[in-house]
Structures are given as C-alpha cells and as structure tokens.
All heavy atoms as atom14 arrays in JSON, in Angstrom:
{
  "sequence": "INTARIVITHGGPASFLSVLEKKKIPIVVPRRLCYGEHVN",
  "atom14_mask": [
    [1, 1, 1, 1, 1, 1, 1, 1, 0, 0, 0, 0, 0, 0],
    [1, 1, 1, 1, 1, 1, 1, 1, 0, 0, 0, 0, 0, 0],
    [1, 1, 1, 1, 1, 1, 1, 0, 0, 0, 0, 0, 0, 0],
    [1, 1, 1, 1, 1, 0, 0, 0, 0, 0, 0, 0, 0, 0],
    [1, 1, 1, 1, 1, 1, 1, 1, 1, 1, 1, 0, 0, 0],
    [1, 1, 1, 1, 1, 1, 1, 1, 0, 0, 0, 0, 0, 0],
    [1, 1, 1, 1, 1, 1, 1, 0, 0, 0, 0, 0, 0, 0],
    [1, 1, 1, 1, 1, 1, 1, 1, 0, 0, 0, 0, 0, 0],
    [1, 1, 1, 1, 1, 1, 1, 0, 0, 0, 0, 0, 0, 0],
    [1, 1, 1, 1, 1, 1, 1, 1, 1, 1, 0, 0, 0, 0],
    [1, 1, 1, 1, 0, 0, 0, 0, 0, 0, 0, 0, 0, 0],
    [1, 1, 1, 1, 0, 0, 0, 0, 0, 0, 0, 0, 0, 0],
    [1, 1, 1, 1, 1, 1, 1, 0, 0, 0, 0, 0, 0, 0],
    [1, 1, 1, 1, 1, 0, 0, 0, 0, 0, 0, 0, 0, 0],
    [1, 1, 1, 1, 1, 1, 0, 0, 0, 0, 0, 0, 0, 0],
    [1, 1, 1, 1, 1, 1, 1, 1, 1, 1, 1, 0, 0, 0],
    [1, 1, 1, 1, 1, 1, 1, 1, 0, 0, 0, 0, 0, 0],
    [1, 1, 1, 1, 1, 1, 0, 0, 0, 0, 0, 0, 0, 0],
    [1, 1, 1, 1, 1, 1, 1, 0, 0, 0, 0, 0, 0, 0],
    [1, 1, 1, 1, 1, 1, 1, 1, 0, 0, 0, 0, 0, 0],
    [1, 1, 1, 1, 1, 1, 1, 1, 1, 0, 0, 0, 0, 0],
    [1, 1, 1, 1, 1, 1, 1, 1, 1, 0, 0, 0, 0, 0],
    [1, 1, 1, 1, 1, 1, 1, 1, 1, 0, 0, 0, 0, 0],
    [1, 1, 1, 1, 1, 1, 1, 1, 1, 0, 0, 0, 0, 0],
    [1, 1, 1, 1, 1, 1, 1, 1, 0, 0, 0, 0, 0, 0],
    [1, 1, 1, 1, 1, 1, 1, 0, 0, 0, 0, 0, 0, 0],
    [1, 1, 1, 1, 1, 1, 1, 1, 0, 0, 0, 0, 0, 0],
    [1, 1, 1, 1, 1, 1, 1, 0, 0, 0, 0, 0, 0, 0],
    [1, 1, 1, 1, 1, 1, 1, 0, 0, 0, 0, 0, 0, 0],
    [1, 1, 1, 1, 1, 1, 1, 0, 0, 0, 0, 0, 0, 0],
    [1, 1, 1, 1, 1, 1, 1, 1, 1, 1, 1, 0, 0, 0],
    [1, 1, 1, 1, 1, 1, 1, 1, 1, 1, 1, 0, 0, 0],
    [1, 1, 1, 1, 1, 1, 1, 1, 0, 0, 0, 0, 0, 0],
    [1, 1, 1, 1, 1, 1, 0, 0, 0, 0, 0, 0, 0, 0],
    [1, 1, 1, 1, 1, 1, 1, 1, 1, 1, 1, 1, 0, 0],
    [1, 1, 1, 1, 0, 0, 0, 0, 0, 0, 0, 0, 0, 0],
    [1, 1, 1, 1, 1, 1, 1, 1, 1, 0, 0, 0, 0, 0],
    [1, 1, 1, 1, 1, 1, 1, 1, 1, 1, 0, 0, 0, 0],
    [1, 1, 1, 1, 1, 1, 1, 0, 0, 0, 0, 0, 0, 0],
    [1, 1, 1, 1, 1, 1, 1, 1, 0, 0, 0, 0, 0, 0]
  ],
  "atom14_positions": [
    [[0.81, -1.14, 0.04], [0.08, 0.0, -0.01], [0.88, 1.25, 0.06], [0.62, 2.16, -0.74], [-0.95, -0.01, 1.21], [-2.07, -1.08, 1.01], [-1.69, 1.32, 1.35], [-2.87, -1.28, 2.25], [0.0, 0.0, 0.0], [0.0, 0.0, 0.0], [0.0, 0.0, 0.0], [0.0, 0.0, 0.0], [0.0, 0.0, 0.0], [0.0, 0.0, 0.0]],
    [[1.94, 1.21, 0.85], [2.83, 2.36, 0.96], [3.55, 2.64, -0.41], [3.7, 3.88, -0.77], [3.81, 2.21, 1.96], [3.27, 2.32, 3.37], [2.31, 3.0, 3.61], [3.87, 1.68, 4.35], [0.0, 0.0, 0.0], [0.0, 0.0, 0.0], [0.0, 0.0, 0.0], [0.0, 0.0, 0.0], [0.0, 0.0, 0.0], [0.0, 0.0, 0.0]],
    [[3.93, 1.7, -1.14], [4.75, 1.9, -2.36], [4.0, 1.97, -3.57], [4.41, 2.39, -4.6], [5.84, 0.77, -2.44], [5.14, -0.47, -2.57], [6.77, 0.84, -1.34], [0.0, 0.0, 0.0], [0.0, 0.0, 0.0], [0.0, 0.0, 0.0], [0.0, 0.0, 0.0], [0.0, 0.0, 0.0], [0.0, 0.0, 0.0], [0.0, 0.0, 0.0]],
    [[2.71, 1.63, -3.52], [1.97, 1.6, -4.8], [1.54, 2.99, -5.21], [1.2, 3.8, -4.38], [0.6, 0.8, -4.61], [0.0, 0.0, 0.0], [0.0, 0.0, 0.0], [0.0, 0.0, 0.0], [0.0, 0.0, 0.0], [0.0, 0.0, 0.0], [0.0, 0.0, 0.0], [0.0, 0.0, 0.0], [0.0, 0.0, 0.0], [0.0, 0.0, 0.0]],
    [[1.49, 3.25, -6.48], [0.94, 4.42, -7.05], [-0.56, 4.38, -7.03], [-1.22, 5.45, -6.72], [1.41, 4.61, -8.56], [0.94, 5.91, -9.19], [1.52, 6.08, -10.57], [0.88, 5.23, -11.49], [-0.23, 5.41, -12.29], [-0.88, 6.56, -12.03], [-0.73, 4.56, -13.09], [0.0, 0.0, 0.0], [0.0, 0.0, 0.0], [0.0, 0.0, 0.0]],
    [[-1.17, 3.18, -7.25], [-2.59, 3.0, -7.29], [-2.76, 1.72, -6.46], [-2.13, 0.72, -6.7], [-3.2, 2.86, -8.66], [-2.96, 4.04, -9.61], [-4.61, 2.45, -8.6], [-3.35, 3.94, -11.02], [0.0, 0.0, 0.0], [0.0, 0.0, 0.0], [0.0, 0.0, 0.0], [0.0, 0.0, 0.0], [0.0, 0.0, 0.0], [0.0, 0.0, 0.0]],
    [[-3.84, 1.8, -5.5], [-4.24, 0.59, -4.8], [-5.69, 0.28, -5.28], [-6.57, 1.19, -5.21], [-4.18, 0.76, -3.33], [-4.65, -0.5, -2.65], [-2.79, 1.11, -2.92], [0.0, 0.0, 0.0], [0.0, 0.0, 0.0], [0.0, 0.0, 0.0], [0.0, 0.0, 0.0], [0.0, 0.0, 0.0], [0.0, 0.0, 0.0], [0.0, 0.0, 0.0]],
    [[-5.88, -1.01, -5.79], [-7.27, -1.45, -6.16], [-7.61, -2.51, -5.14], [-6.9, -3.38, -4.9], [-7.22, -2.03, -7.53], [-6.78, -0.97, -8.49], [-8.62, -2.52, -7.93], [-6.47, -1.47, -9.88], [0.0, 0.0, 0.0], [0.0, 0.0, 0.0], [0.0, 0.0, 0.0], [0.0, 0.0, 0.0], [0.0, 0.0, 0.0], [0.0, 0.0, 0.0]],
    [[-8.81, -2.29, -4.58], [-9.18, -3.2, -3.41], [-10.69, -3.62, -3.63], [-11.42, -2.97, -4.29], [-8.99, -2.6, -2.1], [-9.33, -3.36, -1.09], [-9.68, -1.22, -1.93], [0.0, 0.0, 0.0], [0.0, 0.0, 0.0], [0.0, 0.0, 0.0], [0.0, 0.0, 0.0], [0.0, 0.0, 0.0], [0.0, 0.0, 0.0], [0.0, 0.0, 0.0]],
    [[-11.03, -4.69, -2.94], [-12.42, -5.08, -2.89], [-13.17, -4.16, -1.98], [-12.54, -3.24, -1.4], [-12.54, -6.55, -2.34], [-11.98, -6.74, -0.92], [-12.72, -6.92, 0.1], [-10.69, -6.72, -0.53], [-12.01, -6.98, 1.18], [-10.75, -6.82, 0.83], [0.0, 0.0, 0.0], [0.0, 0.0, 0.0], [0.0, 0.0, 0.0], [0.0, 0.0, 0.0]],
    [[-14.45, -4.31, -1.73], [-15.19, -3.33, -0.94], [-15.28, -3.59, 0.61], [-16.14, -3.12, 1.22], [0.0, 0.0, 0.0], [0.0, 0.0, 0.0], [0.0, 0.0, 0.0], [0.0, 0.0, 0.0], [0.0, 0.0, 0.0], [0.0, 0.0, 0.0], [0.0, 0.0, 0.0], [0.0, 0.0, 0.0], [0.0, 0.0, 0.0], [0.0, 0.0, 0.0]],
    [[-14.37, -4.45, 1.11], [-14.33, -4.72, 2.51], [-13.76, -3.43, 3.21], [-12.78, -2.89, 2.71], [0.0, 0.0, 0.0], [0.0, 0.0, 0.0], [0.0, 0.0, 0.0], [0.0, 0.0, 0.0], [0.0, 0.0, 0.0], [0.0, 0.0, 0.0], [0.0, 0.0, 0.0], [0.0, 0.0, 0.0], [0.0, 0.0, 0.0], [0.0, 0.0, 0.0]],
    [[-14.42, -3.0, 4.27], [-14.03, -1.75, 4.91], [-12.56, -1.74, 5.37], [-11.91, -0.75, 5.17], [-15.0, -1.63, 6.07], [-15.97, -2.69, 5.96], [-15.59, -3.66, 4.92], [0.0, 0.0, 0.0], [0.0, 0.0, 0.0], [0.0, 0.0, 0.0], [0.0, 0.0, 0.0], [0.0, 0.0, 0.0], [0.0, 0.0, 0.0], [0.0, 0.0, 0.0]],
    [[-12.12, -2.77, 5.91], [-10.75, -2.79, 6.45], [-9.76, -2.51, 5.34], [-8.71, -1.79, 5.58], [-10.35, -4.12, 7.12], [0.0, 0.0, 0.0], [0.0, 0.0, 0.0], [0.0, 0.0, 0.0], [0.0, 0.0, 0.0], [0.0, 0.0, 0.0], [0.0, 0.0, 0.0], [0.0, 0.0, 0.0], [0.0, 0.0, 0.0], [0.0, 0.0, 0.0]],
    [[-9.94, -3.1, 4.2], [-9.03, -2.94, 3.07], [-9.03, -1.48, 2.51], [-7.99, -0.9, 2.46], [-9.4, -3.94, 1.96], [-9.1, -5.2, 2.37], [0.0, 0.0, 0.0], [0.0, 0.0, 0.0], [0.0, 0.0, 0.0], [0.0, 0.0, 0.0], [0.0, 0.0, 0.0], [0.0, 0.0, 0.0], [0.0, 0.0, 0.0], [0.0, 0.0, 0.0]],
    [[-10.21, -0.93, 2.12], [-10.11, 0.4, 1.45], [-9.98, 1.47, 2.48], [-9.35, 2.47, 2.16], [-11.19, 0.63, 0.47], [-12.59, 0.81, 0.96], [-12.99, 2.11, 1.35], [-13.47, -0.19, 0.97], [-14.28, 2.43, 1.79], [-14.89, 0.11, 1.43], [-15.15, 1.4, 1.81], [0.0, 0.0, 0.0], [0.0, 0.0, 0.0], [0.0, 0.0, 0.0]],
    [[-10.38, 1.26, 3.72], [-10.16, 2.3, 4.72], [-8.69, 2.43, 5.16], [-8.18, 3.54, 5.42], [-11.04, 2.15, 5.94], [-12.54, 2.35, 5.67], [-13.39, 1.94, 6.92], [-12.88, 3.72, 5.27], [0.0, 0.0, 0.0], [0.0, 0.0, 0.0], [0.0, 0.0, 0.0], [0.0, 0.0, 0.0], [0.0, 0.0, 0.0], [0.0, 0.0, 0.0]],
    [[-7.96, 1.31, 5.11], [-6.58, 1.31, 5.36], [-5.77, 2.09, 4.33], [-4.75, 2.71, 4.6], [-5.97, -0.14, 5.6], [-5.95, -0.79, 4.31], [0.0, 0.0, 0.0], [0.0, 0.0, 0.0], [0.0, 0.0, 0.0], [0.0, 0.0, 0.0], [0.0, 0.0, 0.0], [0.0, 0.0, 0.0], [0.0, 0.0, 0.0], [0.0, 0.0, 0.0]],
    [[-6.27, 2.09, 3.07], [-5.66, 2.89, 2.06], [-5.99, 4.38, 2.3], [-5.06, 5.2, 2.14], [-6.13, 2.4, 0.64], [-5.56, 3.28, -0.47], [-5.82, 0.92, 0.42], [0.0, 0.0, 0.0], [0.0, 0.0, 0.0], [0.0, 0.0, 0.0], [0.0, 0.0, 0.0], [0.0, 0.0, 0.0], [0.0, 0.0, 0.0], [0.0, 0.0, 0.0]],
    [[-7.16, 4.61, 2.6], [-7.55, 6.02, 2.8], [-6.69, 6.68, 4.1], [-6.32, 7.79, 4.08], [-8.97, 6.12, 3.22], [-10.0, 5.91, 1.99], [-11.42, 5.86, 2.52], [-9.86, 7.14, 1.1], [0.0, 0.0, 0.0], [0.0, 0.0, 0.0], [0.0, 0.0, 0.0], [0.0, 0.0, 0.0], [0.0, 0.0, 0.0], [0.0, 0.0, 0.0]],
    [[-6.49, 5.79, 5.09], [-5.6, 6.28, 6.19], [-4.17, 6.7, 5.74], [-3.69, 7.5, 6.39], [-5.46, 5.09, 7.26], [-6.71, 4.76, 8.01], [-6.49, 3.6, 8.92], [-5.39, 2.87, 8.83], [-7.39, 3.39, 9.74], [0.0, 0.0, 0.0], [0.0, 0.0, 0.0], [0.0, 0.0, 0.0], [0.0, 0.0, 0.0], [0.0, 0.0, 0.0]],
    [[-3.76, 6.19, 4.65], [-2.48, 6.63, 4.17], [-2.58, 7.76, 3.19], [-1.64, 8.1, 2.48], [-1.76, 5.41, 3.4], [-1.77, 4.18, 4.22], [-0.35, 3.69, 4.41], [-0.4, 2.41, 5.15], [0.33, 2.45, 6.41], [0.0, 0.0, 0.0], [0.0, 0.0, 0.0], [0.0, 0.0, 0.0], [0.0, 0.0, 0.0], [0.0, 0.0, 0.0]],
    [[-3.77, 8.34, 3.22], [-4.06, 9.55, 2.38], [-3.8, 9.26, 0.8], [-3.37, 10.08, 0.01], [-3.15, 10.72, 2.71], [-3.42, 11.25, 4.15], [-2.96, 12.53, 4.45], [-3.19, 13.06, 5.87], [-4.21, 12.6, 6.65], [0.0, 0.0, 0.0], [0.0, 0.0, 0.0], [0.0, 0.0, 0.0], [0.0, 0.0, 0.0], [0.0, 0.0, 0.0]],
    [[-4.22, 7.99, 0.47], [-4.27, 7.59, -0.87], [-5.74, 7.36, -1.22], [-6.52, 6.98, -0.34], [-3.42, 6.35, -1.11], [-1.94, 6.53, -0.97], [-1.28, 5.29, -1.32], [0.3, 5.62, -1.24], [1.08, 4.53, -1.83], [0.0, 0.0, 0.0], [0.0, 0.0, 0.0], [0.0, 0.0, 0.0], [0.0, 0.0, 0.0], [0.0, 0.0, 0.0]],
    [[-6.0, 7.58, -2.46], [-7.31, 7.3, -2.91], [-7.47, 5.92, -3.69], [-6.89, 5.76, -4.69], [-7.89, 8.42, -3.84], [-7.87, 9.74, -3.09], [-9.28, 8.16, -4.41], [-8.16, 11.05, -3.87], [0.0, 0.0, 0.0], [0.0, 0.0, 0.0], [0.0, 0.0, 0.0], [0.0, 0.0, 0.0], [0.0, 0.0, 0.0], [0.0, 0.0, 0.0]],
    [[-8.17, 5.05, -2.96], [-8.27, 3.7, -3.61], [-9.21, 3.52, -4.69], [-10.18, 4.4, -4.78], [-8.57, 2.76, -2.41], [-9.41, 3.64, -1.55], [-8.8, 5.03, -1.68], [0.0, 0.0, 0.0], [0.0, 0.0, 0.0], [0.0, 0.0, 0.0], [0.0, 0.0, 0.0], [0.0, 0.0, 0.0], [0.0, 0.0, 0.0], [0.0, 0.0, 0.0]],
    [[-9.1, 2.61, -5.6], [-10.1, 2.26, -6.49], [-10.75, 1.03, -5.92], [-10.08, 0.03, -5.55], [-9.49, 1.87, -7.89], [-8.91, 3.14, -8.58], [-10.62, 1.34, -8.83], [-8.19, 2.93, -9.84], [0.0, 0.0, 0.0], [0.0, 0.0, 0.0], [0.0, 0.0, 0.0], [0.0, 0.0, 0.0], [0.0, 0.0, 0.0], [0.0, 0.0, 0.0]],
    [[-12.06, 1.08, -5.66], [-12.76, 0.04, -4.96], [-13.69, -0.73, -5.84], [-14.59, -0.12, -6.54], [-13.6, 0.67, -3.84], [-14.41, -0.45, -3.06], [-12.66, 1.38, -2.8], [0.0, 0.0, 0.0], [0.0, 0.0, 0.0], [0.0, 0.0, 0.0], [0.0, 0.0, 0.0], [0.0, 0.0, 0.0], [0.0, 0.0, 0.0], [0.0, 0.0, 0.0]],
    [[-13.55, -2.07, -5.96], [-14.37, -2.86, -6.78], [-15.02, -3.82, -5.8], [-14.47, -4.8, -5.36], [-13.61, -3.68, -7.78], [-14.53, -4.47, -8.67], [-12.69, -2.84, -8.63], [0.0, 0.0, 0.0], [0.0, 0.0, 0.0], [0.0, 0.0, 0.0], [0.0, 0.0, 0.0], [0.0, 0.0, 0.0], [0.0, 0.0, 0.0], [0.0, 0.0, 0.0]],
    [[-16.3, -3.6, -5.45], [-16.97, -4.38, -4.48], [-17.24, -5.9, -5.0], [-17.53, -6.08, -6.24], [-18.28, -3.81, -4.24], [-18.13, -2.34, -4.7], [-17.17, -2.4, -5.84], [0.0, 0.0, 0.0], [0.0, 0.0, 0.0], [0.0, 0.0, 0.0], [0.0, 0.0, 0.0], [0.0, 0.0, 0.0], [0.0, 0.0, 0.0], [0.0, 0.0, 0.0]],
    [[-17.06, -6.86, -4.13], [-17.42, -8.22, -4.52], [-18.96, -8.27, -4.59], [-19.67, -7.59, -3.96], [-17.02, -9.16, -3.34], [-15.53, -9.4, -3.27], [-15.25, -10.23, -2.02], [-13.81, -10.63, -1.94], [-13.4, -11.82, -2.34], [-14.19, -12.63, -2.93], [-12.15, -12.09, -2.3], [0.0, 0.0, 0.0], [0.0, 0.0, 0.0], [0.0, 0.0, 0.0]],
    [[-19.51, -9.15, -5.62], [-20.86, -9.19, -5.79], [-21.42, -10.64, -5.71], [-20.72, -11.55, -6.09], [-21.16, -8.69, -7.19], [-20.78, -7.18, -7.52], [-21.63, -6.29, -6.79], [-23.02, -6.36, -7.02], [-23.73, -5.88, -7.98], [-23.11, -5.13, -8.86], [-24.99, -6.12, -8.06], [0.0, 0.0, 0.0], [0.0, 0.0, 0.0], [0.0, 0.0, 0.0]],
    [[-22.62, -10.83, -5.18], [-23.3, -12.08, -5.15], [-23.48, -12.72, -6.45], [-23.3, -13.91, -6.7], [-24.7, -11.85, -4.37], [-25.6, -13.02, -4.39], [-24.97, -14.23, -3.58], [-26.98, -12.61, -3.84], [0.0, 0.0, 0.0], [0.0, 0.0, 0.0], [0.0, 0.0, 0.0], [0.0, 0.0, 0.0], [0.0, 0.0, 0.0], [0.0, 0.0, 0.0]],
    [[-23.95, -11.9, -7.4], [-24.34, -12.49, -8.68], [-23.09, -13.15, -9.44], [-23.34, -13.93, -10.4], [-24.92, -11.46, -9.59], [-23.89, -9.99, -10.02], [0.0, 0.0, 0.0], [0.0, 0.0, 0.0], [0.0, 0.0, 0.0], [0.0, 0.0, 0.0], [0.0, 0.0, 0.0], [0.0, 0.0, 0.0], [0.0, 0.0, 0.0], [0.0, 0.0, 0.0]],
    [[-21.9, -12.86, -9.03], [-20.69, -13.44, -9.6], [-20.1, -14.54, -8.69], [-19.06, -15.1, -8.95], [-19.66, -12.48, -9.91], [-20.1, -11.41, -10.86], [-20.29, -10.09, -10.44], [-20.43, -11.66, -12.26], [-20.77, -9.11, -11.34], [-20.83, -10.7, -13.13], [-21.0, -9.47, -12.7], [-21.45, -8.47, -13.61], [0.0, 0.0, 0.0], [0.0, 0.0, 0.0]],
    [[-20.82, -14.88, -7.58], [-20.32, -15.86, -6.65], [-19.08, -15.46, -5.85], [-18.28, -16.26, -5.44], [0.0, 0.0, 0.0], [0.0, 0.0, 0.0], [0.0, 0.0, 0.0], [0.0, 0.0, 0.0], [0.0, 0.0, 0.0], [0.0, 0.0, 0.0], [0.0, 0.0, 0.0], [0.0, 0.0, 0.0], [0.0, 0.0, 0.0], [0.0, 0.0, 0.0]],
    [[-19.01, -14.09, -5.68], [-17.89, -13.53, -4.98], [-18.08, -13.29, -3.47], [-17.06, -13.13, -2.74], [-17.46, -12.2, -5.6], [-17.07, -12.39, -7.03], [-17.1, -11.13, -7.86], [-17.67, -10.09, -7.42], [-16.66, -11.2, -9.04], [0.0, 0.0, 0.0], [0.0, 0.0, 0.0], [0.0, 0.0, 0.0], [0.0, 0.0, 0.0], [0.0, 0.0, 0.0]],
    [[-19.28, -13.31, -3.09], [-19.69, -13.17, -1.68], [-21.15, -13.68, -1.41], [-21.8, -13.98, -2.39], [-19.57, -11.64, -1.29], [-19.02, -11.45, 0.07], [-19.48, -12.06, 1.18], [-17.93, -10.67, 0.51], [-18.73, -11.67, 2.23], [-17.75, -10.88, 1.81], [0.0, 0.0, 0.0], [0.0, 0.0, 0.0], [0.0, 0.0, 0.0], [0.0, 0.0, 0.0]],
    [[-21.51, -13.67, -0.14], [-22.84, -14.19, 0.18], [-24.0, -13.27, -0.08], [-25.13, -13.7, -0.11], [-22.84, -14.67, 1.73], [-21.8, -15.77, 1.92], [-22.59, -13.47, 2.61], [0.0, 0.0, 0.0], [0.0, 0.0, 0.0], [0.0, 0.0, 0.0], [0.0, 0.0, 0.0], [0.0, 0.0, 0.0], [0.0, 0.0, 0.0], [0.0, 0.0, 0.0]],
    [[-23.68, -12.01, -0.24], [-24.67, -11.01, -0.6], [-23.94, -9.76, -1.21], [-22.77, -9.84, -1.41], [-25.56, -10.64, 0.7], [-24.77, -10.13, 1.73], [-23.69, -9.41, 1.62], [-25.14, -10.35, 3.03], [0.0, 0.0, 0.0], [0.0, 0.0, 0.0], [0.0, 0.0, 0.0], [0.0, 0.0, 0.0], [0.0, 0.0, 0.0], [0.0, 0.0, 0.0]]
  ]
}
C-alpha cells in the first residue's frame, strides 16, 4: 500500500479504509453475489 501508485481493493471496509488512512485514494471494486464472490 505504501509503495503503490494506485491501490485497487475489494469493498471490504478494512481494506479500502486502510488505504484512505495513508491519504491515498483507492479504486474500490466491491465483491458481488451475482458473480459468486460473496454471500450478498
């Protein structure tokens, strides 16, 4: 996260909020039920 120019993360709060804490703007791609990526 520290060395990346861009961080792309799933929509889990811990992941993208940890990027925001570093004053970086993440690209967030939420996991979706319709693709079998999460339970909802």
